[in-house]
Amino acid sequence: MMDKTVSKVLLNDGLEVPAIGFGTYKLNGADGVNAIKNAIDIGYRLLDTAFNYENEGAVGEAVRRSSIPREELLICSKLPGRHHAYQEAIQTIQESLYRGGVEYYDLYLIHWPNPRVNLYVEAWQALIEAKKQGLIRSIGVCNFLPEHIDRLIKETDVKPSINQIELYPYFNQEEQRRWHTEHGIVTQSWSPLGQGNSVLENEKIVDIAKAYRKSTSQVILRWHIQSGAIPIPKASSQKHQRDNLDIFDFQLTEEEMIVISGFTTETGRTYNQDPRTYEEF
């Protein structure tokens, strides 16, 4: 099975997770269940969902229909911005579990800091409590800047295990990744292949892919792995699901890594979702 070739990453709280996950955004309903079940059957063991994706139920159903035991899978969900207040956050975590039909989530993240609302510390305290209650195995954040994480640590003395951020070759987040490494926090990459932009047609990446007889997607995902980030690509077709997982049998050179990282720009965010100002509902 392919999953035996997938390397593992150890989080700062002792949880071990696969080096690549499966994104489920917009995989809803019966079609979503089928796509997610196929991904599990192919070898994905880390599944990424969120309260706001409105498909925690589809993920749970796919898990129940698969032949893989629940304890061999790691399911991640996320707290939405409108429920950062402590009691609301606790109830939302409970609702997430009911929606998915699972007894616990392996990972649960605050989806965005929403700094103007300024309740992300309360939300973090709720995640800490939910972990104590056994509802979550590992807690982390998404789209948090170092200043936000610093505040969490100072006010609660609990460090996130993961920060899931927008990351792909046109926005390589080098400084943020370095900060994560220095603080023992694992980087996860959302939209690791960009979101419908031109990165998959980039001529230099295409040339690198040809040299390895791989696709541009596989080369970019390999770049994430070697950058120390956990990519969570989404794919509906079995072919793309298989291809995205088949990235552990080659290694990019240091020069190739530098070339791919060199395409980054300061304005590389696809939809200009700057965590300093972006507010998630």
Protein backbone atom coordinates (compact mmCIF):
# COMPACT_ATOMS: atom_id res chain seq x y z
CA MET A 1 0.00 0.00 0.00
CA MET A 2 1.11 3.52 -0.80
CA ASP A 3 0.60 4.79 2.75
CA LYS A 4 3.64 2.78 3.88
CA THR A 5 5.84 5.11 1.85
CA VAL A 6 4.47 8.30 3.44
CA SER A 7 6.88 9.75 5.99
CA LYS A 8 5.70 11.01 9.38
CA VAL A 9 6.07 14.27 11.28
CA LEU A 10 6.23 14.48 15.07
CA LEU A 11 4.31 17.38 16.64
CA ASN A 12 5.47 19.18 19.79
CA ASP A 13 2.81 17.41 21.90
CA GLY A 14 3.91 13.93 20.82
CA LEU A 15 1.28 13.25 18.16
CA GLU A 16 2.72 11.76 14.96
CA VAL A 17 1.02 12.79 11.71
CA PRO A 18 1.54 11.91 8.03
CA ALA A 19 3.74 14.29 6.01
CA ILE A 20 0.87 14.87 3.56
CA GLY A 21 -2.86 15.23 4.15
CA PHE A 22 -6.02 15.31 2.08
CA GLY A 23 -7.98 18.56 1.74
CA THR A 24 -11.76 18.26 1.61
CA TYR A 25 -12.90 21.84 0.92
CA LYS A 26 -15.98 21.77 -1.37
CA LEU A 27 -16.21 17.97 -1.20
CA ASN A 28 -19.81 17.79 0.03
CA GLY A 29 -22.74 15.41 -0.15
CA ALA A 30 -22.65 11.96 -1.72
CA ASP A 31 -20.00 12.94 -4.28
CA GLY A 32 -17.85 14.30 -1.47
CA VAL A 33 -18.24 11.11 0.57
CA ASN A 34 -17.15 9.03 -2.42
CA ALA A 35 -14.13 11.24 -3.16
CA ILE A 36 -12.99 11.21 0.49
CA LYS A 37 -13.52 7.43 0.81
CA ASN A 38 -11.46 6.93 -2.36
CA ALA A 39 -8.68 9.05 -0.86
CA ILE A 40 -8.67 6.89 2.28
CA ASP A 41 -8.64 3.70 0.21
CA ILE A 42 -5.72 5.02 -1.85
CA GLY A 43 -3.65 5.68 1.25
CA TYR A 44 -4.39 9.11 2.78
CA ARG A 45 -4.54 8.99 6.56
CA LEU A 46 -4.76 12.71 7.44
CA LEU A 47 -8.08 14.33 6.49
CA ASP A 48 -8.61 18.10 6.71
CA THR A 49 -12.08 19.58 7.16
CA ALA A 50 -13.62 22.59 8.95
CA PHE A 51 -16.90 23.67 10.53
CA ASN A 52 -17.28 26.27 7.77
CA TYR A 53 -16.76 23.72 4.98
CA GLU A 54 -20.08 22.19 6.07
CA ASN A 55 -18.75 18.72 5.25
CA GLU A 56 -17.68 17.32 8.60
CA GLY A 57 -20.59 14.92 8.11
CA ALA A 58 -19.30 13.81 4.71
CA VAL A 59 -15.85 13.19 6.18
CA GLY A 60 -17.32 11.16 9.03
CA GLU A 61 -19.44 9.12 6.63
CA ALA A 62 -16.43 8.42 4.38
CA VAL A 63 -14.48 7.24 7.43
CA ARG A 64 -17.30 4.88 8.43
CA ARG A 65 -17.56 3.48 4.88
CA SER A 66 -13.84 2.89 4.55
CA SER A 67 -12.13 -0.33 5.62
CA ILE A 68 -9.52 1.59 7.63
CA PRO A 69 -10.07 1.64 11.42
CA ARG A 70 -10.84 5.08 12.87
CA GLU A 71 -7.77 4.95 15.11
CA GLU A 72 -5.50 4.71 12.05
CA LEU A 73 -6.89 7.97 10.65
CA LEU A 74 -6.22 11.52 11.76
CA ILE A 75 -9.10 13.95 11.26
CA CYS A 76 -8.62 17.70 11.55
CA SER A 77 -11.39 20.28 11.85
CA LYS A 78 -11.47 24.01 12.55
CA LEU A 79 -13.31 26.55 14.69
CA PRO A 80 -15.03 29.35 12.70
CA GLY A 81 -14.51 33.04 13.40
CA ARG A 82 -18.06 33.74 14.58
CA HIS A 83 -17.70 31.34 17.53
CA HIS A 84 -14.51 32.52 19.25
CA ALA A 85 -16.22 33.40 22.55
CA TYR A 86 -15.30 30.71 25.09
CA GLN A 87 -18.68 29.04 25.66
CA GLU A 88 -19.60 29.28 21.98
CA ALA A 89 -16.28 27.70 21.08
CA ILE A 90 -16.86 24.78 23.46
CA GLN A 91 -20.33 24.19 22.00
CA THR A 92 -19.02 24.48 18.43
CA ILE A 93 -16.38 21.84 19.09
CA GLN A 94 -19.09 19.58 20.48
CA GLU A 95 -21.26 20.32 17.42
CA SER A 96 -18.31 19.51 15.15
CA LEU A 97 -18.08 16.10 16.76
CA TYR A 98 -21.82 15.49 16.41
CA ARG A 99 -21.70 16.52 12.75
CA GLY A 100 -18.83 14.16 12.01
CA GLY A 101 -20.27 11.36 14.11
CA VAL A 102 -16.91 10.90 15.81
CA GLU A 103 -15.94 10.81 19.49
CA TYR A 104 -12.83 12.94 19.07
CA TYR A 105 -10.83 14.95 16.55
CA ASP A 106 -7.13 14.28 16.24
CA LEU A 107 -6.47 17.92 15.39
CA TYR A 108 -8.61 20.99 15.94
CA LEU A 109 -7.51 24.43 14.81
CA ILE A 110 -8.70 28.03 15.16
CA HIS A 111 -9.45 28.85 11.52
CA TRP A 112 -8.45 32.56 11.57
CA PRO A 113 -7.29 34.92 14.35
CA ASN A 114 -9.86 37.64 13.53
CA PRO A 115 -7.73 40.18 15.45
CA ARG A 116 -10.30 43.01 15.31
CA VAL A 117 -12.80 40.82 17.17
CA ASN A 118 -9.95 40.03 19.56
CA LEU A 119 -11.36 36.82 21.04
CA TYR A 120 -8.78 34.37 19.72
CA VAL A 121 -7.22 33.88 23.18
CA GLU A 122 -10.66 32.89 24.53
CA ALA A 123 -11.03 30.50 21.60
CA TRP A 124 -7.61 29.03 22.39
CA GLN A 125 -8.60 28.52 26.03
CA ALA A 126 -11.66 26.61 24.80
CA LEU A 127 -9.47 24.34 22.67
CA ILE A 128 -7.20 23.73 25.67
CA GLU A 129 -10.23 22.73 27.74
CA ALA A 130 -11.61 20.49 24.97
CA LYS A 131 -8.26 18.72 24.80
CA LYS A 132 -8.34 18.16 28.58
CA GLN A 133 -11.80 16.63 28.17
CA GLY A 134 -10.49 14.21 25.53
CA LEU A 135 -12.47 15.74 22.67
CA ILE A 136 -9.27 16.68 20.80
CA ARG A 137 -5.85 15.03 20.71
CA SER A 138 -3.83 18.00 19.43
CA ILE A 139 -4.65 21.70 19.12
CA GLY A 140 -3.33 24.28 16.71
CA VAL A 141 -4.15 27.34 14.64
CA CYS A 142 -4.54 28.51 11.05
CA ASN A 143 -3.39 31.75 9.48
CA PHE A 144 -1.90 33.07 12.74
CA LEU A 145 1.03 35.47 12.54
CA PRO A 146 3.93 35.20 15.02
CA GLU A 147 2.47 38.07 17.06
CA HIS A 148 -0.80 36.17 17.50
CA ILE A 149 0.92 32.93 18.51
CA ASP A 150 3.23 34.79 20.88
CA ARG A 151 0.18 36.15 22.67
CA LEU A 152 -1.39 32.69 22.96
CA ILE A 153 1.78 31.31 24.53
CA LYS A 154 2.20 34.27 26.91
CA GLU A 155 -1.40 34.20 28.13
CA THR A 156 -2.00 30.43 28.32
CA ASP A 157 1.48 28.86 28.38
CA VAL A 158 0.26 26.40 25.70
CA LYS A 159 1.93 26.34 22.30
CA PRO A 160 0.06 25.34 19.12
CA SER A 161 1.24 22.09 17.57
CA ILE A 162 0.54 23.29 14.02
CA ASN A 163 -0.07 26.52 12.14
CA GLN A 164 -1.83 25.95 8.83
CA ILE A 165 -1.08 28.82 6.44
CA GLU A 166 -1.42 29.75 2.79
CA LEU A 167 1.78 28.45 1.24
CA TYR A 168 2.84 27.66 -2.32
CA PRO A 169 5.76 28.65 -4.59
CA TYR A 170 4.42 32.14 -5.38
CA PHE A 171 4.04 32.81 -1.63
CA ASN A 172 6.69 30.75 0.12
CA GLN A 173 6.28 32.23 3.64
CA GLU A 174 9.97 31.74 4.36
CA GLU A 175 10.12 34.04 7.40
CA GLN A 176 6.99 32.57 8.95
CA ARG A 177 8.25 29.00 8.36
CA ARG A 178 11.57 29.86 9.97
CA TRP A 179 9.75 31.31 12.98
CA HIS A 180 7.68 28.12 13.29
CA THR A 181 10.83 25.99 13.21
CA GLU A 182 12.50 28.11 15.89
CA HIS A 183 9.44 27.69 18.13
CA GLY A 184 8.85 23.97 17.51
CA ILE A 185 5.60 24.49 15.57
CA VAL A 186 4.87 22.47 12.43
CA THR A 187 3.84 24.29 9.26
CA GLN A 188 0.87 23.01 7.27
CA SER A 189 0.16 24.33 3.76
CA TRP A 190 -3.34 25.09 2.58
CA SER A 191 -3.88 25.48 -1.18
CA PRO A 192 -0.39 24.01 -1.67
CA LEU A 193 -0.81 24.02 -5.46
CA GLY A 194 -2.25 27.54 -5.64
CA GLN A 195 -5.91 28.18 -6.35
CA GLY A 196 -6.39 28.08 -10.09
CA ASN A 197 -3.42 30.35 -10.75
CA SER A 198 -0.54 29.86 -13.17
CA VAL A 199 1.94 28.06 -10.89
CA LEU A 200 1.19 24.65 -12.44
CA GLU A 201 2.18 26.03 -15.86
CA ASN A 202 5.39 27.68 -14.65
CA GLU A 203 7.97 26.78 -17.31
CA LYS A 204 10.89 26.20 -14.95
CA ILE A 205 8.82 23.95 -12.69
CA VAL A 206 7.57 22.10 -15.79
CA ASP A 207 11.19 21.53 -16.81
CA ILE A 208 12.10 20.19 -13.37
CA ALA A 209 9.07 17.87 -13.51
CA LYS A 210 10.11 16.49 -16.89
CA ALA A 211 13.56 15.66 -15.55
CA TYR A 212 12.01 13.47 -12.85
CA ARG A 213 9.18 12.16 -15.05
CA LYS A 214 6.77 13.66 -12.57
CA SER A 215 3.93 16.15 -12.89
CA THR A 216 4.31 19.80 -11.86
CA SER A 217 1.88 19.10 -9.00
CA GLN A 218 4.12 16.31 -7.72
CA VAL A 219 7.21 18.53 -7.90
CA ILE A 220 5.46 21.36 -6.02
CA LEU A 221 4.21 18.98 -3.33
CA ARG A 222 7.73 17.56 -3.01
CA TRP A 223 8.96 21.14 -2.57
CA HIS A 224 6.55 21.51 0.37
CA ILE A 225 7.80 18.29 1.97
CA GLN A 226 11.45 19.33 1.65
CA SER A 227 10.58 22.82 2.94
CA GLY A 228 9.38 21.17 6.15
CA ALA A 229 5.69 21.79 5.52
CA ILE A 230 2.76 19.35 5.44
CA PRO A 231 0.75 19.97 2.25
CA ILE A 232 -2.97 19.15 2.20
CA PRO A 233 -3.92 19.05 -1.50
CA LYS A 234 -7.52 18.46 -2.55
CA ALA A 235 -8.35 16.23 -5.51
CA SER A 236 -11.65 14.74 -6.63
CA SER A 237 -10.33 12.26 -9.20
CA GLN A 238 -8.58 9.07 -8.14
CA LYS A 239 -5.77 9.74 -10.60
CA HIS A 240 -4.91 13.10 -9.05
CA GLN A 241 -5.31 11.64 -5.56
CA ARG A 242 -2.79 8.92 -6.39
CA ASP A 243 -0.40 11.31 -8.11
CA ASN A 244 -0.42 13.72 -5.17
CA LEU A 245 0.50 10.91 -2.80
CA ASP A 246 3.25 9.54 -5.03
CA ILE A 247 5.94 12.03 -4.02
CA PHE A 248 8.15 10.04 -1.67
CA ASP A 249 10.31 8.26 -4.27
CA PHE A 250 12.38 11.25 -5.45
CA GLN A 251 14.18 14.24 -4.00
CA LEU A 252 14.72 17.74 -5.38
CA THR A 253 18.24 19.15 -5.34
CA GLU A 254 19.11 22.21 -3.29
CA GLU A 255 19.39 24.20 -6.52
CA GLU A 256 15.91 23.10 -7.64
CA MET A 257 14.49 24.02 -4.24
CA ILE A 258 16.02 27.51 -4.56
CA VAL A 259 14.58 27.94 -8.07
CA ILE A 260 11.06 27.02 -6.94
CA SER A 261 11.26 29.16 -3.79
CA GLY A 262 12.50 32.07 -5.88
CA PHE A 263 9.12 32.65 -7.51
CA THR A 264 7.66 34.09 -4.32
CA THR A 265 6.29 37.64 -4.20
CA GLU A 266 5.10 39.84 -1.34
CA THR A 267 1.66 39.97 -2.95
CA GLY A 268 1.45 36.23 -3.56
CA ARG A 269 -1.68 35.65 -1.50
CA THR A 270 -4.30 34.40 -3.95
CA TYR A 271 -7.24 36.36 -2.52
CA ASN A 272 -5.34 38.90 -0.42
CA GLN A 273 -6.48 37.26 2.82
CA ASP A 274 -4.07 39.01 5.17
CA PRO A 275 -4.45 37.67 8.75
CA ARG A 276 -3.86 41.18 10.09
CA THR A 277 -7.13 42.38 8.58
CA TYR A 278 -9.09 39.42 7.18
CA GLU A 279 -12.19 38.51 9.18
CA GLU A 280 -13.67 35.04 8.81
CA PHE A 281 -17.34 34.67 9.65
